[in-house]
Amino acid sequence: MSKKKNQGQQKPGLKIIPLGGLEEIGMNITAFEYEDSIIIVDCGLSFPEDDMYGIDLVIPDVTYLRDNLDKVKGFFITHGHEDHIGAIPYVLREINVPIYATKLTMGIIDHKLEEHRMLSDVKRKVVSYGQHINSGSFRVEFIRTNHSIQDAAALAIYSPVGIVVHTGDFKIDYTPVFGDPIDLQRFGEIGKKGVLALMCDSTNAEREGFTQSEKSVGRALDDIFSDHKKKRIIIATFASNVDRVQQIINTAHKYGRKVFVEGRSMVNIIKTASELGYIKIPDNTLGDMDNIKDIPEARTVLITTGSQGESMAALSRMANGMHKRVQIKPSDLIVFSSHPIPGNEKAVNNIINELFIKGAEVIFQDVHVSGHACREDIKLIYSLVRPKYSIPVHGEYRHLKAQAAIAEDMGIPKDHIILLKTGDVLDIDEDHAKVVDHVSCNEVFVDGLGVGDVGNVVLKDRQHLAEEGVIIIVMTLESMSGRLLAGPDIISRGFVYVRESGDLLEEARKTMNETMDKIQSKNITDWGHIKSEIKDAMGEFVWRETKRKPMIIPIIMEV
């Protein structure tokens, strides 16, 4: 009896539920649940793959949070990158709970909410480093870290079963451009308290050594400006890399150049960061794009979006000759101050080739340092935090595996290293860590103003249309008898070029006429049955003649 009584009084475990961000780069969002409380860390988006035709953004499936809305207490945001905050305006439509973030991160979120006309509807709290927020069964502390955007934070999540440290995206930078270095002392202090689990950034877990300081880019920029005094300089970088933008502005001012900014996201970030004091722009340094032609090209610097080869970004439009104000010339120097995100390499290479074709000089090496910790940095965090369990996060599966190997090297038992998949429900406490369930985690597609109305079925149809084309068969039937009055007419789009395929389409018409003769001889009048027979017959004919499988759509009009 006493044994059963003790079991009945046993504390429930903490549930950690990644709803995105594992086995991929992007769409980071993780729920932490204890009894009647859920807090959410980050709420990011990812960008569509090449075969996601017409899709603008991909956001996480928050069905689990919606189904447990009464438990959800708030969003805790680690930093202001799109893969950590981009889905907030969409998710808040269903889960409107308070948002907690540091000053610059909140400034960027505010701008997003303002664009979506949601600013007055959402409760927001700016948090300082070292501050603790009580939220249901949890207490969350924000810890200073460094990243490729300022005001990045790690989170110490205090739960009834132990402390979980979530690093967010981070690097260890002892000489940051703005602000203070990462608070390693606090990581060590929390480690001494005893940490249940460490959820650590895995993006650079395969890279040996330490991540370089952001200030090293400043030296490279200085050399470029010094060596190219007679050229117009165009620098493409991430809009959110505020420190990088600051260094470009500083170097431009040193060499007496006027700075122009192009690209909507770049303009918005610089405006927000400048208003909040995170970018300092010397007087008379920033110019208006409308007046760029009034300044000698050798005295201008253009900071632009498009470093990832995005088709509609400013640099892509310049490279393709579609930009209204800037035409690439042989006297231009274009600097890519970023590395391609995995999957973007081809798009970036295409832009570089276009720029070379136009005669420009292009520099795409040694003008960037990563914002993510390499192996030795990760080891330092493990040695300070000393977690009982390791839960690698943020990265493709190979990155998670690489960090698992680091954790094992640092003395964490293999059975205490947990590789989760998106949607897994991990139940964890001092005595165990086990995946006990799996929740819905389908991707939700944003297409124009539509959120979630394009599902996998529609996407497969788009892929089918893109790959094989469509054949539309139009005919008119008499309503009473089902007798064929007109057609069948065949319309082809994306299948074959009609003018050069007259014989094939004529054979297709004969096949359709024969099919209709068979249908009428069998006295088939059900339209569904007729359409099915037409699709089957046309599908067999097209496959036999072309070995293709276009989408076939029969249309019957009744008279």
Protein backbone atom coordinates (compact mmCIF):
# COMPACT_ATOMS: atom_id res chain seq x y z
CA MET A 1 0.00 0.00 0.00
CA SER A 2 2.75 2.46 0.96
CA LYS A 3 4.60 1.78 -2.32
CA LYS A 4 1.49 2.61 -4.35
CA LYS A 5 0.94 5.73 -2.27
CA ASN A 6 4.49 6.95 -3.00
CA GLN A 7 4.02 6.28 -6.70
CA GLY A 8 0.81 8.28 -6.65
CA GLN A 9 2.64 11.24 -5.13
CA GLN A 10 5.51 11.13 -7.64
CA LYS A 11 6.08 14.41 -9.46
CA PRO A 12 5.07 14.46 -13.12
CA GLY A 13 7.89 14.93 -15.62
CA LEU A 14 8.65 18.00 -17.71
CA LYS A 15 7.54 17.66 -21.32
CA ILE A 16 9.75 19.17 -24.03
CA ILE A 17 8.00 19.31 -27.41
CA PRO A 18 9.87 20.68 -30.44
CA LEU A 19 7.25 21.83 -32.97
CA GLY A 20 9.90 22.82 -35.52
CA GLY A 21 13.61 23.46 -35.99
CA LEU A 22 14.96 19.91 -35.77
CA GLU A 23 16.46 18.15 -38.79
CA GLU A 24 16.18 21.48 -40.65
CA ILE A 25 17.55 25.01 -40.64
CA GLY A 26 14.72 27.32 -39.66
CA MET A 27 11.21 27.30 -38.13
CA ASN A 28 12.46 27.08 -34.55
CA ILE A 29 9.75 26.66 -31.92
CA THR A 30 9.73 24.49 -28.78
CA ALA A 31 7.05 24.03 -26.14
CA PHE A 32 7.86 23.27 -22.48
CA GLU A 33 4.96 21.79 -20.52
CA TYR A 34 4.55 21.00 -16.84
CA GLU A 35 1.07 20.05 -15.59
CA ASP A 36 -1.18 23.05 -16.38
CA SER A 37 1.55 25.36 -17.80
CA ILE A 38 3.09 25.64 -21.28
CA ILE A 39 5.72 28.17 -22.30
CA ILE A 40 7.05 28.48 -25.85
CA VAL A 41 10.62 29.30 -26.85
CA ASP A 42 10.84 31.10 -30.22
CA CYS A 43 8.33 31.10 -33.07
CA GLY A 44 10.16 31.05 -36.39
CA LEU A 45 9.46 30.39 -40.04
CA SER A 46 11.36 28.74 -42.85
CA PHE A 47 11.51 29.62 -46.52
CA PRO A 48 10.00 27.37 -49.20
CA GLU A 49 11.89 24.64 -51.00
CA ASP A 50 12.27 24.85 -54.78
CA ASP A 51 9.35 22.46 -55.35
CA MET A 52 6.91 24.44 -53.15
CA TYR A 53 5.40 26.33 -56.08
CA GLY A 54 3.72 29.62 -55.16
CA ILE A 55 4.47 29.28 -51.43
CA ASP A 56 5.83 32.40 -49.75
CA LEU A 57 6.63 31.13 -46.25
CA VAL A 58 6.42 27.96 -44.17
CA ILE A 59 5.29 28.25 -40.56
CA PRO A 60 4.93 25.65 -37.79
CA ASP A 61 1.85 23.61 -37.07
CA VAL A 62 0.59 24.79 -33.66
CA THR A 63 -2.38 22.40 -33.40
CA TYR A 64 -1.05 21.08 -30.09
CA LEU A 65 -0.84 24.57 -28.62
CA ARG A 66 -4.28 25.49 -29.92
CA ASP A 67 -5.74 22.33 -28.37
CA ASN A 68 -4.13 23.26 -25.02
CA LEU A 69 -4.66 27.01 -25.23
CA ASP A 70 -5.75 27.32 -21.59
CA LYS A 71 -2.27 26.10 -20.53
CA VAL A 72 -0.19 28.41 -22.75
CA LYS A 73 1.40 31.23 -20.73
CA GLY A 74 3.73 33.05 -23.12
CA PHE A 75 6.39 33.19 -25.84
CA PHE A 76 10.03 33.62 -24.81
CA ILE A 77 12.15 34.78 -27.75
CA THR A 78 15.93 34.29 -27.92
CA HIS A 79 16.74 36.76 -30.75
CA GLY A 80 15.36 38.63 -33.74
CA HIS A 81 16.12 36.41 -36.74
CA GLU A 82 13.29 35.32 -39.03
CA ASP A 83 13.79 31.63 -38.24
CA HIS A 84 13.03 32.50 -34.60
CA ILE A 85 10.40 35.27 -34.84
CA GLY A 86 9.00 35.20 -38.39
CA ALA A 87 5.87 33.16 -37.61
CA ILE A 88 4.78 35.28 -34.64
CA PRO A 89 2.15 37.38 -36.50
CA TYR A 90 0.55 34.24 -37.94
CA VAL A 91 0.64 32.11 -34.78
CA LEU A 92 -0.65 34.94 -32.55
CA ARG A 93 -3.92 34.94 -34.50
CA GLU A 94 -4.67 31.63 -32.80
CA ILE A 95 -2.53 31.83 -29.66
CA ASN A 96 -2.51 35.39 -28.36
CA VAL A 97 -0.40 35.24 -25.20
CA PRO A 98 2.32 37.60 -23.90
CA ILE A 99 5.70 37.86 -25.63
CA TYR A 100 8.93 38.28 -23.64
CA ALA A 101 12.12 39.42 -25.41
CA THR A 102 15.12 41.73 -25.13
CA LYS A 103 14.97 45.32 -26.41
CA LEU A 104 16.13 45.02 -30.05
CA THR A 105 14.35 41.69 -30.52
CA MET A 106 11.12 43.25 -29.32
CA GLY A 107 11.66 46.27 -31.54
CA ILE A 108 11.79 44.00 -34.60
CA ILE A 109 8.75 42.03 -33.40
CA ASP A 110 6.84 45.29 -32.85
CA HIS A 111 7.52 46.30 -36.44
CA LYS A 112 6.14 42.96 -37.67
CA LEU A 113 3.03 43.25 -35.53
CA GLU A 114 2.52 46.81 -36.74
CA GLU A 115 2.66 45.65 -40.36
CA HIS A 116 -0.01 43.04 -39.56
CA ARG A 117 -2.06 45.62 -37.60
CA MET A 118 -1.80 43.56 -34.41
CA LEU A 119 0.42 45.77 -32.24
CA SER A 120 -2.34 46.98 -29.90
CA ASP A 121 -3.77 43.46 -29.50
CA VAL A 122 -0.66 41.76 -28.13
CA LYS A 123 0.86 42.02 -24.64
CA ARG A 124 4.63 42.48 -24.83
CA LYS A 125 7.35 42.84 -22.18
CA VAL A 126 10.93 43.93 -22.81
CA VAL A 127 13.28 41.89 -20.62
CA SER A 128 16.79 42.75 -19.43
CA TYR A 129 19.66 40.27 -19.10
CA GLY A 130 19.58 38.63 -15.68
CA GLN A 131 15.86 39.28 -15.28
CA HIS A 132 13.60 36.40 -14.21
CA ILE A 133 10.03 36.04 -15.52
CA ASN A 134 7.53 33.90 -13.60
CA SER A 135 5.16 32.15 -15.98
CA GLY A 136 2.86 29.46 -14.61
CA SER A 137 4.96 26.61 -13.24
CA PHE A 138 8.10 28.06 -14.84
CA ARG A 139 10.62 30.78 -14.12
CA VAL A 140 12.70 31.96 -17.07
CA GLU A 141 16.00 33.84 -16.89
CA PHE A 142 17.53 35.70 -19.86
CA ILE A 143 21.33 35.29 -20.18
CA ARG A 144 23.54 37.46 -22.40
CA THR A 145 25.02 35.72 -25.45
CA ASN A 146 26.61 36.84 -28.73
CA HIS A 147 25.25 36.11 -32.18
CA SER A 148 25.10 37.76 -35.61
CA ILE A 149 22.35 40.02 -34.31
CA GLN A 150 22.52 42.04 -31.11
CA ASP A 151 20.51 41.37 -27.96
CA ALA A 152 20.62 37.58 -28.39
CA ALA A 153 19.85 35.60 -25.24
CA ALA A 154 20.09 32.12 -23.85
CA LEU A 155 17.32 31.01 -21.50
CA ALA A 156 17.59 29.23 -18.18
CA ILE A 157 14.19 27.59 -17.70
CA TYR A 158 13.54 26.73 -14.06
CA SER A 159 10.92 23.98 -13.74
CA PRO A 160 9.74 21.89 -10.75
CA VAL A 161 11.90 18.98 -11.96
CA GLY A 162 15.08 20.90 -12.75
CA ILE A 163 16.78 23.58 -14.85
CA VAL A 164 16.89 23.42 -18.65
CA VAL A 165 19.38 25.73 -20.38
CA HIS A 166 18.45 26.67 -23.97
CA THR A 167 21.35 28.48 -25.66
CA GLY A 168 19.38 29.90 -28.60
CA ASP A 169 21.68 30.66 -31.53
CA PHE A 170 25.00 31.78 -30.10
CA LYS A 171 28.72 32.24 -30.49
CA ILE A 172 31.41 33.21 -28.00
CA ASP A 173 32.73 36.63 -28.97
CA TYR A 174 35.14 38.26 -26.51
CA THR A 175 35.34 41.45 -28.63
CA PRO A 176 31.81 42.12 -29.96
CA VAL A 177 31.19 45.21 -32.08
CA PHE A 178 28.37 46.34 -29.81
CA GLY A 179 27.65 45.52 -26.19
CA ASP A 180 29.33 43.04 -23.88
CA PRO A 181 30.70 39.52 -24.38
CA ILE A 182 28.64 36.45 -23.61
CA ASP A 183 28.03 36.01 -19.86
CA LEU A 184 30.08 32.85 -19.35
CA GLN A 185 30.17 33.49 -15.61
CA ARG A 186 26.39 33.12 -15.40
CA PHE A 187 26.50 29.86 -17.36
CA GLY A 188 29.01 28.58 -14.80
CA GLU A 189 26.91 29.73 -11.84
CA ILE A 190 23.83 27.98 -13.19
CA GLY A 191 25.93 24.89 -13.89
CA LYS A 192 26.90 24.76 -10.20
CA LYS A 193 23.22 24.70 -9.22
CA GLY A 194 22.79 21.51 -11.23
CA VAL A 195 21.34 21.54 -14.75
CA LEU A 196 18.90 18.86 -15.86
CA ALA A 197 19.36 19.36 -19.62
CA LEU A 198 21.24 21.52 -22.10
CA MET A 199 19.60 22.37 -25.43
CA CYS A 200 22.51 23.71 -27.46
CA ASP A 201 22.85 25.27 -30.95
CA SER A 202 24.22 22.61 -33.33
CA THR A 203 24.64 24.62 -36.57
CA ASN A 204 28.47 24.64 -36.51
CA ALA A 205 28.98 21.46 -34.49
CA GLU A 206 30.89 19.92 -37.41
CA ARG A 207 33.42 22.79 -37.56
CA GLU A 208 36.65 22.49 -35.61
CA GLY A 209 38.10 25.25 -33.46
CA PHE A 210 36.56 28.53 -32.29
CA THR A 211 34.30 30.95 -34.14
CA GLN A 212 36.06 34.18 -35.08
CA SER A 213 35.04 37.52 -33.59
CA GLU A 214 32.78 39.80 -35.62
CA LYS A 215 35.50 42.47 -35.36
CA SER A 216 37.71 40.44 -37.72
CA VAL A 217 35.27 41.35 -40.52
CA GLY A 218 35.94 45.04 -39.80
CA ARG A 219 39.61 44.54 -40.67
CA ALA A 220 38.70 42.77 -43.93
CA LEU A 221 36.29 45.59 -44.85
CA ASP A 222 38.98 48.19 -44.19
CA ASP A 223 41.35 46.41 -46.58
CA ILE A 224 38.65 46.27 -49.28
CA PHE A 225 37.82 49.97 -49.00
CA SER A 226 41.52 50.89 -49.00
CA ASP A 227 42.26 48.79 -52.12
CA HIS A 228 39.21 49.93 -54.16
CA LYS A 229 39.09 53.71 -53.74
CA LYS A 230 37.96 54.36 -57.32
CA LYS A 231 35.11 51.82 -57.41
CA ARG A 232 31.50 51.97 -56.30
CA ILE A 233 31.15 49.37 -53.53
CA ILE A 234 27.97 47.30 -53.17
CA ILE A 235 27.84 45.06 -50.10
CA ALA A 236 25.21 42.33 -49.68
CA THR A 237 24.62 40.94 -46.21
CA PHE A 238 21.84 39.75 -43.91
CA ALA A 239 19.54 42.62 -42.97
CA SER A 240 19.47 41.42 -39.37
CA ASN A 241 23.27 41.40 -38.95
CA VAL A 242 23.25 44.80 -37.26
CA ASP A 243 26.90 44.59 -36.16
CA ARG A 244 27.98 43.94 -39.76
CA VAL A 245 25.96 46.91 -40.99
CA GLN A 246 27.53 49.09 -38.27
CA GLN A 247 31.02 48.10 -39.38
CA ILE A 248 30.21 48.88 -43.02
CA ILE A 249 28.91 52.31 -41.99
CA ASN A 250 31.98 52.96 -39.84
CA THR A 251 34.36 52.00 -42.67
CA ALA A 252 32.41 54.04 -45.24
CA HIS A 253 32.59 57.10 -42.96
CA LYS A 254 36.34 56.61 -42.47
CA TYR A 255 36.90 56.65 -46.24
CA GLY A 256 34.54 59.58 -46.87
CA ARG A 257 31.83 57.61 -48.62
CA LYS A 258 28.07 58.15 -48.58
CA VAL A 259 26.02 55.11 -47.51
CA PHE A 260 22.82 54.12 -49.32
CA VAL A 261 20.52 51.33 -48.14
CA GLU A 262 18.39 49.20 -50.49
CA GLY A 263 15.98 46.36 -49.73
CA ARG A 264 12.84 46.61 -47.63
CA SER A 265 14.01 44.37 -44.78
CA MET A 266 17.39 46.17 -44.64
CA VAL A 267 15.72 49.58 -44.44
CA ASN A 268 13.34 48.38 -41.71
CA ILE A 269 16.04 46.77 -39.55
CA ILE A 270 18.39 49.77 -39.79
CA LYS A 271 15.51 52.13 -38.93
CA THR A 272 14.50 50.04 -35.88
CA ALA A 273 18.08 49.48 -34.67
CA SER A 274 18.95 53.16 -35.13
CA GLU A 275 15.89 54.35 -33.21
CA LEU A 276 16.75 52.00 -30.33
CA GLY A 277 20.41 53.03 -30.26
CA TYR A 278 21.91 49.79 -31.62
CA ILE A 279 23.30 51.46 -34.74
CA LYS A 280 25.10 54.79 -34.62
CA ILE A 281 25.18 56.61 -37.97
CA PRO A 282 27.55 59.62 -38.20
CA ASP A 283 26.00 62.86 -39.44
CA ASN A 284 25.70 63.25 -43.23
CA THR A 285 26.73 59.61 -43.81
CA LEU A 286 23.36 58.13 -44.81
CA GLY A 287 21.92 59.10 -48.20
CA ASP A 288 18.49 58.81 -49.82
CA MET A 289 18.25 56.24 -52.64
CA ASP A 290 16.35 58.79 -54.74
CA ASN A 291 19.52 60.91 -54.81
CA ILE A 292 22.10 58.17 -55.39
CA LYS A 293 22.91 59.43 -58.90
CA ASP A 294 23.86 62.83 -57.50
CA ILE A 295 26.91 61.38 -55.68
CA PRO A 296 30.07 60.28 -57.57
CA GLU A 297 30.14 56.50 -57.72
CA ALA A 298 33.62 56.30 -56.17
CA ARG A 299 32.21 58.02 -53.08
CA THR A 300 29.22 55.69 -52.57
CA VAL A 301 28.60 52.48 -50.68
CA LEU A 302 25.38 50.55 -51.18
CA ILE A 303 24.27 48.14 -48.45
CA THR A 304 21.72 45.74 -49.90
CA THR A 305 19.71 42.58 -49.34
CA GLY A 306 20.07 39.53 -51.60
CA SER A 307 23.16 37.82 -50.20
CA GLN A 308 21.29 34.48 -50.35
CA GLY A 309 20.30 34.78 -54.02
CA GLU A 310 16.62 35.50 -53.27
CA SER A 311 14.98 36.12 -56.65
CA MET A 312 13.14 39.31 -55.67
CA ALA A 313 15.83 40.78 -53.38
CA ALA A 314 17.55 44.00 -54.40
CA LEU A 315 20.90 42.48 -55.46
CA SER A 316 19.16 39.85 -57.64
CA ARG A 317 17.23 42.60 -59.43
CA MET A 318 20.47 44.55 -59.95
CA ALA A 319 22.23 41.48 -61.36
CA ASN A 320 19.34 40.76 -63.73
CA GLY A 321 19.08 44.37 -64.91
CA MET A 322 15.64 44.85 -63.35
CA HIS A 323 16.48 47.41 -60.66
CA LYS A 324 15.06 50.90 -61.19
CA ARG A 325 17.90 52.91 -59.64
CA VAL A 326 21.05 50.76 -59.82
CA GLN A 327 22.62 49.24 -62.93
CA ILE A 328 25.69 47.04 -62.48
CA LYS A 329 28.78 48.35 -64.29
CA PRO A 330 32.32 47.00 -64.86
CA SER A 331 33.55 49.69 -62.45
CA ASP A 332 31.56 48.17 -59.56
CA LEU A 333 32.83 46.02 -56.70
CA ILE A 334 30.25 43.67 -55.18
CA VAL A 335 31.02 42.11 -51.79
CA PHE A 336 29.08 39.14 -50.43
CA SER A 337 29.39 39.49 -46.66
CA SER A 338 27.68 36.21 -45.81
CA HIS A 339 27.91 32.48 -46.43
CA PRO A 340 25.09 30.75 -48.35
CA ILE A 341 22.58 29.04 -46.09
CA PRO A 342 22.47 25.28 -46.93
CA GLY A 343 20.23 24.90 -49.96
CA ASN A 344 20.89 28.43 -51.29
CA GLU A 345 24.27 27.71 -52.89
CA LYS A 346 22.94 27.39 -56.45
CA ALA A 347 20.93 30.62 -56.28
CA VAL A 348 23.94 32.52 -54.88
CA ASN A 349 26.25 31.12 -57.58
CA ASN A 350 23.78 32.19 -60.27
CA ILE A 351 23.84 35.79 -58.99
CA ILE A 352 27.66 35.80 -58.79
CA ASN A 353 27.85 34.56 -62.39
CA GLU A 354 25.45 37.27 -63.57
CA LEU A 355 27.55 39.93 -61.85
CA PHE A 356 30.75 38.62 -63.44
CA ILE A 357 29.05 38.59 -66.87
CA LYS A 358 28.28 42.29 -66.41
CA GLY A 359 32.00 42.89 -65.85
CA ALA A 360 31.86 43.67 -62.12
CA GLU A 361 34.48 42.56 -59.63
CA VAL A 362 33.03 40.21 -57.01
CA ILE A 363 34.45 39.28 -53.60
CA PHE A 364 32.67 36.39 -51.88
CA GLN A 365 35.28 35.01 -49.51
CA ASP A 366 36.80 36.13 -46.20
CA VAL A 367 34.27 38.92 -45.55
CA HIS A 368 32.08 36.96 -43.16
CA VAL A 369 32.27 35.15 -39.84
CA SER A 370 29.63 32.82 -38.54
CA GLY A 371 27.18 33.72 -35.80
CA HIS A 372 27.20 30.15 -34.49
CA ALA A 373 29.51 28.34 -32.08
CA CYS A 374 32.11 25.92 -33.42
CA ARG A 375 33.16 22.73 -31.62
CA GLU A 376 35.50 24.30 -29.05
CA ASP A 377 32.93 26.97 -28.14
CA ILE A 378 30.28 24.28 -27.66
CA LYS A 379 32.68 22.30 -25.45
CA LEU A 380 33.19 25.37 -23.27
CA ILE A 381 29.43 25.70 -22.72
CA TYR A 382 29.17 22.01 -21.80
CA SER A 383 32.07 22.34 -19.35
CA LEU A 384 30.37 25.32 -17.65
CA VAL A 385 26.78 24.03 -17.62
CA ARG A 386 27.59 20.37 -16.86
CA PRO A 387 24.12 19.06 -17.81
CA LYS A 388 22.78 15.65 -16.89
CA TYR A 389 21.15 15.29 -20.31
CA SER A 390 22.11 16.69 -23.73
CA ILE A 391 19.38 17.61 -26.23
CA PRO A 392 21.00 18.98 -29.44
CA VAL A 393 18.84 21.56 -31.25
CA HIS A 394 18.93 23.87 -34.28
CA GLY A 395 20.29 22.06 -37.28
CA GLU A 396 19.96 19.29 -39.80
CA TYR A 397 20.29 15.72 -38.55
CA ARG A 398 24.03 15.60 -39.30
CA HIS A 399 24.53 18.74 -37.16
CA LEU A 400 22.58 17.20 -34.28
CA LYS A 401 24.69 14.02 -34.57
CA ALA A 402 27.90 16.08 -34.55
CA GLN A 403 26.86 17.76 -31.32
CA ALA A 404 25.86 14.41 -29.82
CA ALA A 405 29.46 13.30 -30.44
CA ILE A 406 30.75 16.44 -28.67
CA ALA A 407 28.48 15.76 -25.68
CA GLU A 408 29.78 12.20 -25.47
CA ASP A 409 33.38 13.50 -25.62
CA MET A 410 32.51 15.81 -22.71
CA GLY A 411 31.55 12.82 -20.57
CA ILE A 412 27.78 12.69 -20.96
CA PRO A 413 26.63 9.04 -21.10
CA LYS A 414 25.32 7.96 -24.51
CA ASP A 415 21.89 7.11 -23.09
CA HIS A 416 21.64 10.68 -21.71
CA ILE A 417 22.03 12.23 -25.19
CA ILE A 418 18.58 12.64 -26.72
CA LEU A 419 18.18 13.20 -30.48
CA LEU A 420 14.61 14.39 -30.93
CA LYS A 421 12.51 14.75 -34.07
CA THR A 422 10.04 17.54 -34.64
CA GLY A 423 6.77 16.60 -32.92
CA ASP A 424 8.33 14.26 -30.34
CA VAL A 425 7.12 14.60 -26.77
CA LEU A 426 10.07 14.10 -24.41
CA ASP A 427 9.17 13.34 -20.80
CA ILE A 428 12.15 14.19 -18.62
CA ASP A 429 13.12 14.45 -14.95
CA GLU A 430 16.13 13.54 -12.77
CA ASP A 431 15.49 9.81 -13.20
CA HIS A 432 14.56 9.41 -16.84
CA ALA A 433 14.29 11.00 -20.30
CA LYS A 434 11.98 9.20 -22.71
CA VAL A 435 9.95 10.04 -25.81
CA VAL A 436 6.40 9.17 -24.79
CA ASP A 437 4.28 10.59 -27.60
CA HIS A 438 4.26 12.44 -30.93
CA VAL A 439 2.10 15.45 -31.81
CA SER A 440 0.96 16.95 -35.12
CA CYS A 441 3.80 18.86 -36.77
CA ASN A 442 2.83 19.31 -40.41
CA GLU A 443 4.19 22.31 -42.25
CA VAL A 444 1.71 25.15 -42.71
CA PHE A 445 2.06 27.06 -45.97
CA VAL A 446 1.56 30.81 -46.36
CA ASP A 447 0.51 31.74 -49.90
CA GLY A 448 -0.31 35.43 -50.31
CA LEU A 449 -2.97 36.22 -47.73
CA GLY A 450 -3.86 32.56 -47.26
CA VAL A 451 -2.49 30.73 -44.23
CA GLY A 452 -2.92 26.97 -44.23
CA ASP A 453 -5.40 26.86 -47.12
CA VAL A 454 -2.74 25.34 -49.38
CA GLY A 455 -2.19 21.84 -48.05
CA ASN A 456 -0.13 18.90 -49.28
CA VAL A 457 -2.82 17.87 -51.78
CA VAL A 458 -2.80 21.30 -53.45
CA LEU A 459 1.01 21.39 -53.38
CA LYS A 460 1.19 17.96 -55.05
CA ASP A 461 -1.19 19.22 -57.75
CA ARG A 462 1.09 22.22 -58.32
CA GLN A 463 4.12 19.95 -58.53
CA HIS A 464 2.26 17.69 -60.95
CA LEU A 465 1.27 20.65 -63.12
CA ALA A 466 4.81 22.05 -63.05
CA GLU A 467 6.42 18.74 -63.97
CA GLU A 468 3.92 17.23 -66.44
CA GLY A 469 1.47 19.93 -67.53
CA VAL A 470 -2.29 19.61 -68.01
CA ILE A 471 -4.74 18.36 -70.65
CA ILE A 472 -8.31 19.66 -70.49
CA ILE A 473 -11.01 17.76 -72.40
CA VAL A 474 -14.19 19.75 -73.05
CA MET A 475 -17.44 18.27 -74.39
CA THR A 476 -21.16 19.03 -74.49
CA LEU A 477 -23.77 16.35 -73.72
CA GLU A 478 -27.54 16.39 -74.08
CA SER A 479 -29.11 16.42 -70.61
CA MET A 480 -31.77 13.75 -71.14
CA SER A 481 -30.04 11.22 -73.38
CA GLY A 482 -26.39 11.84 -72.61
CA ARG A 483 -25.77 12.10 -76.38
CA LEU A 484 -22.57 13.87 -77.44
CA LEU A 485 -23.49 17.20 -79.06
CA ALA A 486 -20.09 18.90 -79.34
CA GLY A 487 -16.43 18.02 -78.82
CA PRO A 488 -14.45 16.50 -77.37
CA ASP A 489 -12.07 19.48 -77.68
CA ILE A 490 -8.59 19.11 -76.24
CA ILE A 491 -6.71 22.01 -74.61
CA SER A 492 -3.09 21.50 -73.59
CA ARG A 493 -0.97 23.67 -71.26
CA GLY A 494 2.59 22.83 -70.23
CA PHE A 495 2.37 19.41 -71.87
CA VAL A 496 3.42 19.77 -75.52
CA TYR A 497 3.80 22.73 -77.86
CA VAL A 498 0.53 22.58 -79.79
CA ARG A 499 1.81 23.94 -83.11
CA GLU A 500 4.45 21.23 -83.36
CA SER A 501 2.29 18.40 -82.00
CA GLY A 502 -0.73 18.47 -84.33
CA ASP A 503 -0.51 14.75 -85.15
CA LEU A 504 -0.37 13.75 -81.47
CA LEU A 505 -3.40 15.87 -80.57
CA GLU A 506 -5.33 14.61 -83.59
CA GLU A 507 -4.67 11.03 -82.45
CA ALA A 508 -5.79 12.05 -78.96
CA ARG A 509 -9.08 13.39 -80.39
CA LYS A 510 -9.67 10.09 -82.23
CA THR A 511 -9.04 8.22 -78.98
CA MET A 512 -11.57 10.42 -77.20
CA ASN A 513 -14.18 9.94 -79.95
CA GLU A 514 -13.73 6.16 -79.76
CA THR A 515 -14.02 6.32 -75.97
CA MET A 516 -17.26 8.32 -76.20
CA ASP A 517 -18.67 5.83 -78.72
CA LYS A 518 -18.00 2.99 -76.25
CA ILE A 519 -19.55 4.98 -73.37
CA GLN A 520 -22.72 5.69 -75.36
CA SER A 521 -23.00 2.11 -76.63
CA LYS A 522 -23.01 0.99 -72.97
CA ASN A 523 -25.70 3.61 -72.14
CA ILE A 524 -23.50 5.14 -69.42
CA THR A 525 -25.12 8.41 -68.29
CA ASP A 526 -23.51 9.00 -64.89
CA TRP A 527 -21.17 11.97 -65.31
CA GLY A 528 -18.71 10.71 -62.72
CA HIS A 529 -18.41 7.40 -64.57
CA ILE A 530 -18.02 9.20 -67.92
CA LYS A 531 -15.23 11.44 -66.57
CA SER A 532 -13.44 8.43 -65.11
CA GLU A 533 -13.54 6.56 -68.44
CA ILE A 534 -12.24 9.64 -70.30
CA LYS A 535 -9.37 10.17 -67.84
CA ASP A 536 -8.33 6.51 -68.00
CA ALA A 537 -8.43 6.36 -71.80
CA MET A 538 -6.53 9.64 -72.27
CA GLY A 539 -4.01 8.72 -69.58
CA GLU A 540 -3.25 5.37 -71.26
CA PHE A 541 -2.93 7.02 -74.69
CA VAL A 542 -0.60 9.81 -73.52
CA TRP A 543 1.62 7.42 -71.56
CA ARG A 544 1.86 5.03 -74.52
CA GLU A 545 2.80 7.84 -76.93
CA THR A 546 4.97 10.12 -74.73
CA LYS A 547 5.77 8.30 -71.46
CA ARG A 548 4.37 11.35 -69.60
CA LYS A 549 1.61 11.69 -67.03
CA PRO A 550 -0.01 15.13 -67.36
CA MET A 551 -2.94 16.13 -65.17
CA ILE A 552 -6.13 15.30 -67.12
CA ILE A 553 -9.27 17.34 -66.42
CA PRO A 554 -12.52 16.39 -68.23
CA ILE A 555 -15.15 19.18 -68.37
CA ILE A 556 -18.73 18.28 -69.35
CA MET A 557 -21.28 20.93 -70.24
CA GLU A 558 -24.97 20.06 -70.23
CA VAL A 559 -27.49 21.32 -72.78
